[in-house]
PDB file of N, CA and C in Angstrom:
ATOM      1  N   MET A   1      28.667  35.711 -65.185  1.00  0.00           N
ATOM      2  CA  MET A   1      27.935  36.444 -64.204  1.00  0.00           C
ATOM      3  C   MET A   1      27.152  35.514 -63.291  1.00  0.00           C
ATOM      4  N   GLU A   2      26.621  34.475 -63.844  1.00  0.00           N
ATOM      5  CA  GLU A   2      25.863  33.515 -63.049  1.00  0.00           C
ATOM      6  C   GLU A   2      26.758  32.834 -62.028  1.00  0.00           C
ATOM      7  N   VAL A   3      27.947  32.477 -62.381  1.00  0.00           N
ATOM      8  CA  VAL A   3      28.900  31.852 -61.456  1.00  0.00           C
ATOM      9  C   VAL A   3      29.221  32.833 -60.333  1.00  0.00           C
ATOM     10  N   PHE A   4      29.360  34.098 -60.690  1.00  0.00           N
ATOM     11  CA  PHE A   4      29.660  35.115 -59.691  1.00  0.00           C
ATOM     12  C   PHE A   4      28.513  35.218 -58.683  1.00  0.00           C
ATOM     13  N   CYS A   5      27.282  35.217 -59.166  1.00  0.00           N
ATOM     14  CA  CYS A   5      26.104  35.304 -58.285  1.00  0.00           C
ATOM     15  C   CYS A   5      26.005  34.074 -57.388  1.00  0.00           C
ATOM     16  N   GLN A   6      26.263  32.910 -57.960  1.00  0.00           N
ATOM     17  CA  GLN A   6      26.219  31.679 -57.168  1.00  0.00           C
ATOM     18  C   GLN A   6      27.302  31.703 -56.082  1.00  0.00           C
ATOM     19  N   THR A   7      28.478  32.190 -56.451  1.00  0.00           N
ATOM     20  CA  THR A   7      29.570  32.290 -55.489  1.00  0.00           C
ATOM     21  C   THR A   7      29.207  33.284 -54.390  1.00  0.00           C
ATOM     22  N   LEU A   8      28.601  34.382 -54.781  1.00  0.00           N
ATOM     23  CA  LEU A   8      28.195  35.389 -53.802  1.00  0.00           C
ATOM     24  C   LEU A   8      27.141  34.834 -52.856  1.00  0.00           C
ATOM     25  N   VAL A   9      26.163  34.121 -53.410  1.00  0.00           N
ATOM     26  CA  VAL A   9      25.136  33.492 -52.579  1.00  0.00           C
ATOM     27  C   VAL A   9      25.772  32.486 -51.623  1.00  0.00           C
ATOM     28  N   LEU A  10      26.715  31.704 -52.126  1.00  0.00           N
ATOM     29  CA  LEU A  10      27.407  30.721 -51.287  1.00  0.00           C
ATOM     30  C   LEU A  10      28.170  31.416 -50.173  1.00  0.00           C
ATOM     31  N   LEU A  11      28.854  32.504 -50.471  1.00  0.00           N
ATOM     32  CA  LEU A  11      29.585  33.254 -49.452  1.00  0.00           C
ATOM     33  C   LEU A  11      28.638  33.830 -48.399  1.00  0.00           C
ATOM     34  N   ILE A  12      27.513  34.332 -48.887  1.00  0.00           N
ATOM     35  CA  ILE A  12      26.530  34.876 -47.943  1.00  0.00           C
ATOM     36  C   ILE A  12      26.004  33.769 -47.035  1.00  0.00           C
ATOM     37  N   LEU A  13      25.675  32.626 -47.629  1.00  0.00           N
ATOM     38  CA  LEU A  13      25.189  31.498 -46.827  1.00  0.00           C
ATOM     39  C   LEU A  13      26.238  31.040 -45.818  1.00  0.00           C
ATOM     40  N   LEU A  14      27.480  30.982 -46.256  1.00  0.00           N
ATOM     41  CA  LEU A  14      28.552  30.552 -45.347  1.00  0.00           C
ATOM     42  C   LEU A  14      28.762  31.565 -44.222  1.00  0.00           C
ATOM     43  N   THR A  15      28.441  32.796 -44.485  1.00  0.00           N
ATOM     44  CA  THR A  15      28.582  33.832 -43.464  1.00  0.00           C
ATOM     45  C   THR A  15      27.379  33.852 -42.526  1.00  0.00           C
ATOM     46  N   VAL A  16      26.187  33.674 -43.055  1.00  0.00           N
ATOM     47  CA  VAL A  16      24.958  33.798 -42.276  1.00  0.00           C
ATOM     48  C   VAL A  16      24.650  32.527 -41.494  1.00  0.00           C
ATOM     49  N   LEU A  17      24.858  31.345 -42.088  1.00  0.00           N
ATOM     50  CA  LEU A  17      24.488  30.086 -41.438  1.00  0.00           C
ATOM     51  C   LEU A  17      25.188  29.856 -40.097  1.00  0.00           C
ATOM     52  N   PRO A  18      26.481  30.073 -39.983  1.00  0.00           N
ATOM     53  CA  PRO A  18      27.092  29.879 -38.660  1.00  0.00           C
ATOM     54  C   PRO A  18      26.493  30.802 -37.611  1.00  0.00           C
ATOM     55  N   GLY A  19      26.154  32.013 -37.995  1.00  0.00           N
ATOM     56  CA  GLY A  19      25.514  32.929 -37.046  1.00  0.00           C
ATOM     57  C   GLY A  19      24.166  32.404 -36.604  1.00  0.00           C
ATOM     58  N   GLN A  20      23.405  31.865 -37.547  1.00  0.00           N
ATOM     59  CA  GLN A  20      22.107  31.291 -37.203  1.00  0.00           C
ATOM     60  C   GLN A  20      22.284  30.049 -36.345  1.00  0.00           C
ATOM     61  N   THR A  21      23.289  29.257 -36.678  1.00  0.00           N
ATOM     62  CA  THR A  21      23.572  28.065 -35.880  1.00  0.00           C
ATOM     63  C   THR A  21      23.936  28.470 -34.458  1.00  0.00           C
ATOM     64  N   ASN A  22      24.732  29.526 -34.312  1.00  0.00           N
ATOM     65  CA  ASN A  22      25.085  30.016 -32.981  1.00  0.00           C
ATOM     66  C   ASN A  22      23.850  30.524 -32.243  1.00  0.00           C
ATOM     67  N   LEU A  23      22.954  31.191 -32.986  1.00  0.00           N
ATOM     68  CA  LEU A  23      21.718  31.662 -32.363  1.00  0.00           C
ATOM     69  C   LEU A  23      20.861  30.494 -31.895  1.00  0.00           C
ATOM     70  N   LEU A  24      20.795  29.446 -32.717  1.00  0.00           N
ATOM     71  CA  LEU A  24      20.028  28.257 -32.324  1.00  0.00           C
ATOM     72  C   LEU A  24      20.649  27.613 -31.085  1.00  0.00           C
ATOM     73  N   ALA A  25      21.971  27.518 -31.075  1.00  0.00           N
ATOM     74  CA  ALA A  25      22.654  26.945 -29.919  1.00  0.00           C
ATOM     75  C   ALA A  25      22.433  27.815 -28.685  1.00  0.00           C
ATOM     76  N   LEU A  26      22.497  29.134 -28.860  1.00  0.00           N
ATOM     77  CA  LEU A  26      22.259  30.051 -27.758  1.00  0.00           C
ATOM     78  C   LEU A  26      20.829  29.931 -27.258  1.00  0.00           C
ATOM     79  N   ASN A  27      19.891  29.842 -28.179  1.00  0.00           N
ATOM     80  CA  ASN A  27      18.487  29.676 -27.803  1.00  0.00           C
ATOM     81  C   ASN A  27      18.293  28.365 -27.033  1.00  0.00           C
ATOM     82  N   ALA A  28      18.902  27.293 -27.497  1.00  0.00           N
ATOM     83  CA  ALA A  28      18.797  26.005 -26.807  1.00  0.00           C
ATOM     84  C   ALA A  28      19.390  26.103 -25.403  1.00  0.00           C
ATOM     85  N   ALA A  29      20.505  26.801 -25.277  1.00  0.00           N
ATOM     86  CA  ALA A  29      21.129  26.974 -23.959  1.00  0.00           C
ATOM     87  C   ALA A  29      20.221  27.769 -23.034  1.00  0.00           C
ATOM     88  N   ILE A  30      19.584  28.805 -23.575  1.00  0.00           N
ATOM     89  CA  ILE A  30      18.660  29.609 -22.767  1.00  0.00           C
ATOM     90  C   ILE A  30      17.468  28.770 -22.319  1.00  0.00           C
ATOM     91  N   VAL A  31      16.937  27.965 -23.218  1.00  0.00           N
ATOM     92  CA  VAL A  31      15.811  27.092 -22.873  1.00  0.00           C
ATOM     93  C   VAL A  31      16.239  26.102 -21.783  1.00  0.00           C
ATOM     94  N   ASP A  32      17.410  25.505 -21.928  1.00  0.00           N
ATOM     95  CA  ASP A  32      17.920  24.578 -20.914  1.00  0.00           C
ATOM     96  C   ASP A  32      18.106  25.275 -19.571  1.00  0.00           C
ATOM     97  N   MET A  33      18.634  26.493 -19.616  1.00  0.00           N
ATOM     98  CA  MET A  33      18.840  27.253 -18.395  1.00  0.00           C
ATOM     99  C   MET A  33      17.506  27.561 -17.722  1.00  0.00           C
ATOM    100  N   ALA A  34      16.514  27.926 -18.507  1.00  0.00           N
ATOM    101  CA  ALA A  34      15.192  28.224 -17.963  1.00  0.00           C
ATOM    102  C   ALA A  34      14.591  26.982 -17.325  1.00  0.00           C
ATOM    103  N   LYS A  35      14.754  25.843 -17.989  1.00  0.00           N
ATOM    104  CA  LYS A  35      14.254  24.583 -17.427  1.00  0.00           C
ATOM    105  C   LYS A  35      14.983  24.260 -16.135  1.00  0.00           C
ATOM    106  N   GLY A  36      16.286  24.480 -16.112  1.00  0.00           N
ATOM    107  CA  GLY A  36      17.063  24.244 -14.898  1.00  0.00           C
ATOM    108  C   GLY A  36      16.611  25.147 -13.767  1.00  0.00           C
ATOM    109  N   THR A  37      16.301  26.397 -14.102  1.00  0.00           N
ATOM    110  CA  THR A  37      15.812  27.337 -13.096  1.00  0.00           C
ATOM    111  C   THR A  37      14.459  26.883 -12.563  1.00  0.00           C
ATOM    112  N   GLN A  38      13.584  26.433 -13.460  1.00  0.00           N
ATOM    113  CA  GLN A  38      12.279  25.926 -13.026  1.00  0.00           C
ATOM    114  C   GLN A  38      12.442  24.719 -12.115  1.00  0.00           C
ATOM    115  N   ASP A  39      13.374  23.832 -12.451  1.00  0.00           N
ATOM    116  CA  ASP A  39      13.630  22.663 -11.618  1.00  0.00           C
ATOM    117  C   ASP A  39      14.140  23.084 -10.245  1.00  0.00           C
ATOM    118  N   MET A  40      15.008  24.099 -10.214  1.00  0.00           N
ATOM    119  CA  MET A  40      15.517  24.584  -8.931  1.00  0.00           C
ATOM    120  C   MET A  40      14.389  25.178  -8.097  1.00  0.00           C
ATOM    121  N   VAL A  41      13.511  25.931  -8.728  1.00  0.00           N
ATOM    122  CA  VAL A  41      12.384  26.531  -8.010  1.00  0.00           C
ATOM    123  C   VAL A  41      11.482  25.432  -7.458  1.00  0.00           C
ATOM    124  N   LYS A  42      11.215  24.406  -8.254  1.00  0.00           N
ATOM    125  CA  LYS A  42      10.399  23.282  -7.778  1.00  0.00           C
ATOM    126  C   LYS A  42      11.082  22.599  -6.602  1.00  0.00           C
ATOM    127  N   GLY A  43      12.393  22.420  -6.698  1.00  0.00           N
ATOM    128  CA  GLY A  43      13.143  21.800  -5.599  1.00  0.00           C
ATOM    129  C   GLY A  43      13.069  22.629  -4.334  1.00  0.00           C
ATOM    130  N   ILE A  44      13.209  23.938  -4.471  1.00  0.00           N
ATOM    131  CA  ILE A  44      13.121  24.824  -3.307  1.00  0.00           C
ATOM    132  C   ILE A  44      11.719  24.804  -2.716  1.00  0.00           C
ATOM    133  N   ASP A  45      10.698  24.783  -3.578  1.00  0.00           N
ATOM    134  CA  ASP A  45       9.319  24.689  -3.091  1.00  0.00           C
ATOM    135  C   ASP A  45       9.109  23.394  -2.312  1.00  0.00           C
ATOM    136  N   THR A  46       9.660  22.302  -2.819  1.00  0.00           N
ATOM    137  CA  THR A  46       9.544  21.017  -2.120  1.00  0.00           C
ATOM    138  C   THR A  46      10.240  21.073  -0.767  1.00  0.00           C
ATOM    139  N   ILE A  47      11.419  21.659  -0.735  1.00  0.00           N
ATOM    140  CA  ILE A  47      12.152  21.794   0.534  1.00  0.00           C
ATOM    141  C   ILE A  47      11.344  22.639   1.512  1.00  0.00           C
ATOM    142  N   ASN A  48      10.733  23.728   1.038  1.00  0.00           N
ATOM    143  CA  ASN A  48       9.915  24.572   1.912  1.00  0.00           C
ATOM    144  C   ASN A  48       8.723  23.808   2.472  1.00  0.00           C
ATOM    145  N   LYS A  49       8.079  22.983   1.630  1.00  0.00           N
ATOM    146  CA  LYS A  49       6.935  22.193   2.095  1.00  0.00           C
ATOM    147  C   LYS A  49       7.373  21.199   3.161  1.00  0.00           C
ATOM    148  N   VAL A  50       8.492  20.530   2.928  1.00  0.00           N
ATOM    149  CA  VAL A  50       9.001  19.564   3.907  1.00  0.00           C
ATOM    150  C   VAL A  50       9.368  20.281   5.214  1.00  0.00           C
ATOM    151  N   ALA A  51       9.973  21.458   5.097  1.00  0.00           N
ATOM    152  CA  ALA A  51      10.333  22.234   6.285  1.00  0.00           C
ATOM    153  C   ALA A  51       9.082  22.637   7.062  1.00  0.00           C
ATOM    154  N   ASP A  52       8.035  23.059   6.354  1.00  0.00           N
ATOM    155  CA  ASP A  52       6.782  23.426   7.025  1.00  0.00           C
ATOM    156  C   ASP A  52       6.160  22.221   7.717  1.00  0.00           C
ATOM    157  N   GLN A  53       6.172  21.069   7.054  1.00  0.00           N
ATOM    158  CA  GLN A  53       5.626  19.852   7.655  1.00  0.00           C
ATOM    159  C   GLN A  53       6.440  19.450   8.886  1.00  0.00           C
ATOM    160  N   THR A  54       7.768  19.576   8.787  1.00  0.00           N
ATOM    161  CA  THR A  54       8.638  19.242   9.914  1.00  0.00           C
ATOM    162  C   THR A  54       8.367  20.172  11.088  1.00  0.00           C
ATOM    163  N   LEU A  55       8.199  21.455  10.799  1.00  0.00           N
ATOM    164  CA  LEU A  55       7.900  22.429  11.845  1.00  0.00           C
ATOM    165  C   LEU A  55       6.579  22.087  12.525  1.00  0.00           C
ATOM    166  N   ALA A  56       5.567  21.771  11.738  1.00  0.00           N
ATOM    167  CA  ALA A  56       4.261  21.426  12.301  1.00  0.00           C
ATOM    168  C   ALA A  56       4.367  20.173  13.172  1.00  0.00           C
ATOM    169  N   SER A  57       5.104  19.173  12.694  1.00  0.00           N
ATOM    170  CA  SER A  57       5.275  17.939  13.466  1.00  0.00           C
ATOM    171  C   SER A  57       6.037  18.210  14.756  1.00  0.00           C
ATOM    172  N   THR A  58       7.057  19.046  14.681  1.00  0.00           N
ATOM    173  CA  THR A  58       7.852  19.382  15.857  1.00  0.00           C
ATOM    174  C   THR A  58       6.992  20.115  16.884  1.00  0.00           C
ATOM    175  N   GLU A  59       6.167  21.051  16.409  1.00  0.00           N
ATOM    176  CA  GLU A  59       5.280  21.769  17.323  1.00  0.00           C
ATOM    177  C   GLU A  59       4.276  20.820  17.971  1.00  0.00           C
ATOM    178  N   THR A  60       3.754  19.884  17.203  1.00  0.00           N
ATOM    179  CA  THR A  60       2.814  18.896  17.743  1.00  0.00           C
ATOM    180  C   THR A  60       3.487  18.041  18.814  1.00  0.00           C
ATOM    181  N   MET A  61       4.722  17.602  18.527  1.00  0.00           N
ATOM    182  CA  MET A  61       5.445  16.783  19.499  1.00  0.00           C
ATOM    183  C   MET A  61       5.772  17.589  20.753  1.00  0.00           C
ATOM    184  N   ALA A  62       6.129  18.864  20.593  1.00  0.00           N
ATOM    185  CA  ALA A  62       6.431  19.712  21.747  1.00  0.00           C
ATOM    186  C   ALA A  62       5.193  19.878  22.619  1.00  0.00           C
ATOM    187  N   THR A  63       4.056  20.094  21.989  1.00  0.00           N
ATOM    188  CA  THR A  63       2.797  20.233  22.732  1.00  0.00           C
ATOM    189  C   THR A  63       2.471  18.942  23.468  1.00  0.00           C
ATOM    190  N   ALA A  64       2.620  17.813  22.783  1.00  0.00           N
ATOM    191  CA  ALA A  64       2.355  16.511  23.417  1.00  0.00           C
ATOM    192  C   ALA A  64       3.299  16.283  24.588  1.00  0.00           C
ATOM    193  N   SER A  65       4.551  16.665  24.429  1.00  0.00           N
ATOM    194  CA  SER A  65       5.533  16.505  25.501  1.00  0.00           C
ATOM    195  C   SER A  65       5.175  17.367  26.709  1.00  0.00           C
ATOM    196  N   GLU A  66       4.754  18.612  26.451  1.00  0.00           N
ATOM    197  CA  GLU A  66       4.337  19.490  27.541  1.00  0.00           C
ATOM    198  C   GLU A  66       3.121  18.921  28.273  1.00  0.00           C
ATOM    199  N   GLU A  67       2.161  18.395  27.513  1.00  0.00           N
ATOM    200  CA  GLU A  67       0.973  17.790  28.120  1.00  0.00           C
ATOM    201  C   GLU A  67       1.349  16.572  28.948  1.00  0.00           C
ATOM    202  N   GLN A  68       2.277  15.770  28.426  1.00  0.00           N
ATOM    203  CA  GLN A  68       2.716  14.587  29.155  1.00  0.00           C
ATOM    204  C   GLN A  68       3.428  14.991  30.446  1.00  0.00           C
ATOM    205  N   THR A  69       4.266  16.017  30.386  1.00  0.00           N
ATOM    206  CA  THR A  69       4.963  16.496  31.580  1.00  0.00           C
ATOM    207  C   THR A  69       3.962  16.997  32.614  1.00  0.00           C
ATOM    208  N   ALA A  70       2.956  17.753  32.167  1.00  0.00           N
ATOM    209  CA  ALA A  70       1.924  18.244  33.086  1.00  0.00           C
ATOM    210  C   ALA A  70       1.177  17.076  33.722  1.00  0.00           C
ATOM    211  N   SER A  71       0.869  16.062  32.930  1.00  0.00           N
ATOM    212  CA  SER A  71       0.185  14.871  33.460  1.00  0.00           C
ATOM    213  C   SER A  71       1.052  14.157  34.484  1.00  0.00           C
ATOM    214  N   MET A  72       2.335  14.063  34.207  1.00  0.00           N
ATOM    215  CA  MET A  72       3.246  13.394  35.146  1.00  0.00           C
ATOM    216  C   MET A  72       3.318  14.166  36.471  1.00  0.00           C
ATOM    217  N   HIS A  73       3.347  15.500  36.409  1.00  0.00           N
ATOM    218  CA  HIS A  73       3.352  16.303  37.632  1.00  0.00           C
ATOM    219  C   HIS A  73       2.056  16.105  38.415  1.00  0.00           C
ATOM    220  N   GLU A  74       0.940  16.050  37.696  1.00  0.00           N
ATOM    221  CA  GLU A  74      -0.347  15.830  38.345  1.00  0.00           C
ATOM    222  C   GLU A  74      -0.390  14.463  39.012  1.00  0.00           C
ATOM    223  N   ILE A  75       0.116  13.445  38.337  1.00  0.00           N
ATOM    224  CA  ILE A  75       0.165  12.093  38.906  1.00  0.00           C
ATOM    225  C   ILE A  75       1.071  12.077  40.129  1.00  0.00           C
ATOM    226  N   SER A  76       2.196  12.788  40.041  1.00  0.00           N
ATOM    227  CA  SER A  76       3.128  12.852  41.168  1.00  0.00           C
ATOM    228  C   SER A  76       2.467  13.507  42.384  1.00  0.00           C
ATOM    229  N   ARG A  77       1.747  14.613  42.156  1.00  0.00           N
ATOM    230  CA  ARG A  77       1.043  15.281  43.265  1.00  0.00           C
ATOM    231  C   ARG A  77      -0.030  14.358  43.841  1.00  0.00           C
ATOM    232  N   GLY A  78      -0.726  13.640  42.975  1.00  0.00           N
ATOM    233  CA  GLY A  78      -1.729  12.686  43.447  1.00  0.00           C
ATOM    234  C   GLY A  78      -1.099  11.578  44.274  1.00  0.00           C
ATOM    235  N   ALA A  79       0.060  11.086  43.828  1.00  0.00           N
ATOM    236  CA  ALA A  79       0.746  10.025  44.577  1.00  0.00           C
ATOM    237  C   ALA A  79       1.206  10.533  45.942  1.00  0.00           C
ATOM    238  N   GLU A  80       1.705  11.779  45.975  1.00  0.00           N
ATOM    239  CA  GLU A  80       2.124  12.361  47.253  1.00  0.00           C
ATOM    240  C   GLU A  80       0.934  12.515  48.191  1.00  0.00           C
ATOM    241  N   SER A  81      -0.190  12.962  47.642  1.00  0.00           N
ATOM    242  CA  SER A  81      -1.407  13.108  48.435  1.00  0.00           C
ATOM    243  C   SER A  81      -1.871  11.758  48.972  1.00  0.00           C
ATOM    244  N   LEU A  82      -1.831  10.731  48.119  1.00  0.00           N
ATOM    245  CA  LEU A  82      -2.217   9.381  48.564  1.00  0.00           C
ATOM    246  C   LEU A  82      -1.270   8.861  49.648  1.00  0.00           C
ATOM    247  N   ALA A  83       0.024   9.168  49.504  1.00  0.00           N
ATOM    248  CA  ALA A  83       0.995   8.739  50.513  1.00  0.00           C
ATOM    249  C   ALA A  83       0.701   9.425  51.847  1.00  0.00           C
ATOM    250  N   GLU A  84       0.348  10.710  51.822  1.00  0.00           N
ATOM    251  CA  GLU A  84       0.001  11.420  53.063  1.00  0.00           C
ATOM    252  C   GLU A  84      -1.253  10.823  53.681  1.00  0.00           C
ATOM    253  N   MET A  85      -2.254  10.512  52.835  1.00  0.00           N
ATOM    254  CA  MET A  85      -3.489   9.903  53.340  1.00  0.00           C
ATOM    255  C   MET A  85      -3.214   8.533  53.939  1.00  0.00           C
ATOM    256  N   ALA A  86      -2.357   7.774  53.285  1.00  0.00           N
ATOM    257  CA  ALA A  86      -2.021   6.433  53.792  1.00  0.00           C
ATOM    258  C   ALA A  86      -1.317   6.556  55.141  1.00  0.00           C
ATOM    259  N   GLY A  87      -0.421   7.542  55.267  1.00  0.00           N
ATOM    260  CA  GLY A  87       0.250   7.753  56.560  1.00  0.00           C
ATOM    261  C   GLY A  87      -0.739   8.142  57.637  1.00  0.00           C
ATOM    262  N   GLU A  88      -1.664   9.033  57.309  1.00  0.00           N
ATOM    263  CA  GLU A  88      -2.694   9.451  58.275  1.00  0.00           C
ATOM    264  C   GLU A  88      -3.586   8.282  58.647  1.00  0.00           C
ATOM    265  N   LEU A  89      -3.973   7.492  57.653  1.00  0.00           N
ATOM    266  CA  LEU A  89      -4.799   6.313  57.911  1.00  0.00           C
ATOM    267  C   LEU A  89      -4.057   5.321  58.791  1.00  0.00           C
ATOM    268  N   ASN A  90      -2.769   5.150  58.547  1.00  0.00           N
ATOM    269  CA  ASN A  90      -1.959   4.239  59.356  1.00  0.00           C
ATOM    270  C   ASN A  90      -1.918   4.719  60.809  1.00  0.00           C
ATOM    271  N   ARG A  91      -1.776   6.038  61.040  1.00  0.00           N
ATOM    272  CA  ARG A  91      -1.757   6.584  62.407  1.00  0.00           C
ATOM    273  C   ARG A  91      -3.115   6.366  63.084  1.00  0.00           C
ATOM    274  N   LEU A  92      -4.206   6.564  62.299  1.00  0.00           N
ATOM    275  CA  LEU A  92      -5.538   6.352  62.871  1.00  0.00           C
ATOM    276  C   LEU A  92      -5.750   4.892  63.232  1.00  0.00           C
ATOM    277  N   VAL A  93      -5.295   3.994  62.383  1.00  0.00           N
ATOM    278  CA  VAL A  93      -5.434   2.555  62.659  1.00  0.00           C
ATOM    279  C   VAL A  93      -4.641   2.191  63.898  1.00  0.00           C
ATOM    280  N   GLN A  94      -3.479   2.801  64.103  1.00  0.00           N
ATOM    281  CA  GLN A  94      -2.651   2.526  65.286  1.00  0.00           C
ATOM    282  C   GLN A  94      -3.382   2.930  66.562  1.00  0.00           C
ATOM    283  N   ASN A  95      -4.239   3.980  66.488  1.00  0.00           N
ATOM    284  CA  ASN A  95      -5.001   4.413  67.665  1.00  0.00           C
ATOM    285  C   ASN A  95      -6.059   3.397  68.069  1.00  0.00           C
ATOM    286  N   PHE A  96      -6.543   2.599  67.089  1.00  0.00           N
ATOM    287  CA  PHE A  96      -7.610   1.646  67.362  1.00  0.00           C
ATOM    288  C   PHE A  96      -7.101   0.227  67.627  1.00  0.00           C
ATOM    289  N   LYS A  97      -5.822   0.063  67.795  1.00  0.00           N
ATOM    290  CA  LYS A  97      -5.282  -1.289  68.027  1.00  0.00           C
ATOM    291  C   LYS A  97      -5.731  -1.745  69.396  1.00  0.00           C
ATOM    292  N   LEU A  98      -6.100  -2.977  69.468  1.00  0.00           N
ATOM    293  CA  LEU A  98      -6.528  -3.575  70.740  1.00  0.00           C
ATOM    294  C   LEU A  98      -5.406  -4.199  71.481  1.00  0.00           C
TER     295      LEU A  98
END
């Protein structure tokens, strides 16, 4: 009877242990998958931060470019005004030639 009980216990262990081993393997796979998902989320968060920084930098550069263009137009108008004044001054000087 004792041999029978030992054999029965052995059969039960042989039946139950692989199932537990599969559960452990499944649990490990789930943990790995969760870690992989967390890594992906961190990666996406990093990409979003870089995209936001790039957008901010692009907006800053666009604003600077617009300001520079406005300054160039102002300088151009000033140069045209100076050229007109120089022409007028030249005509006035021609009137006073001896």
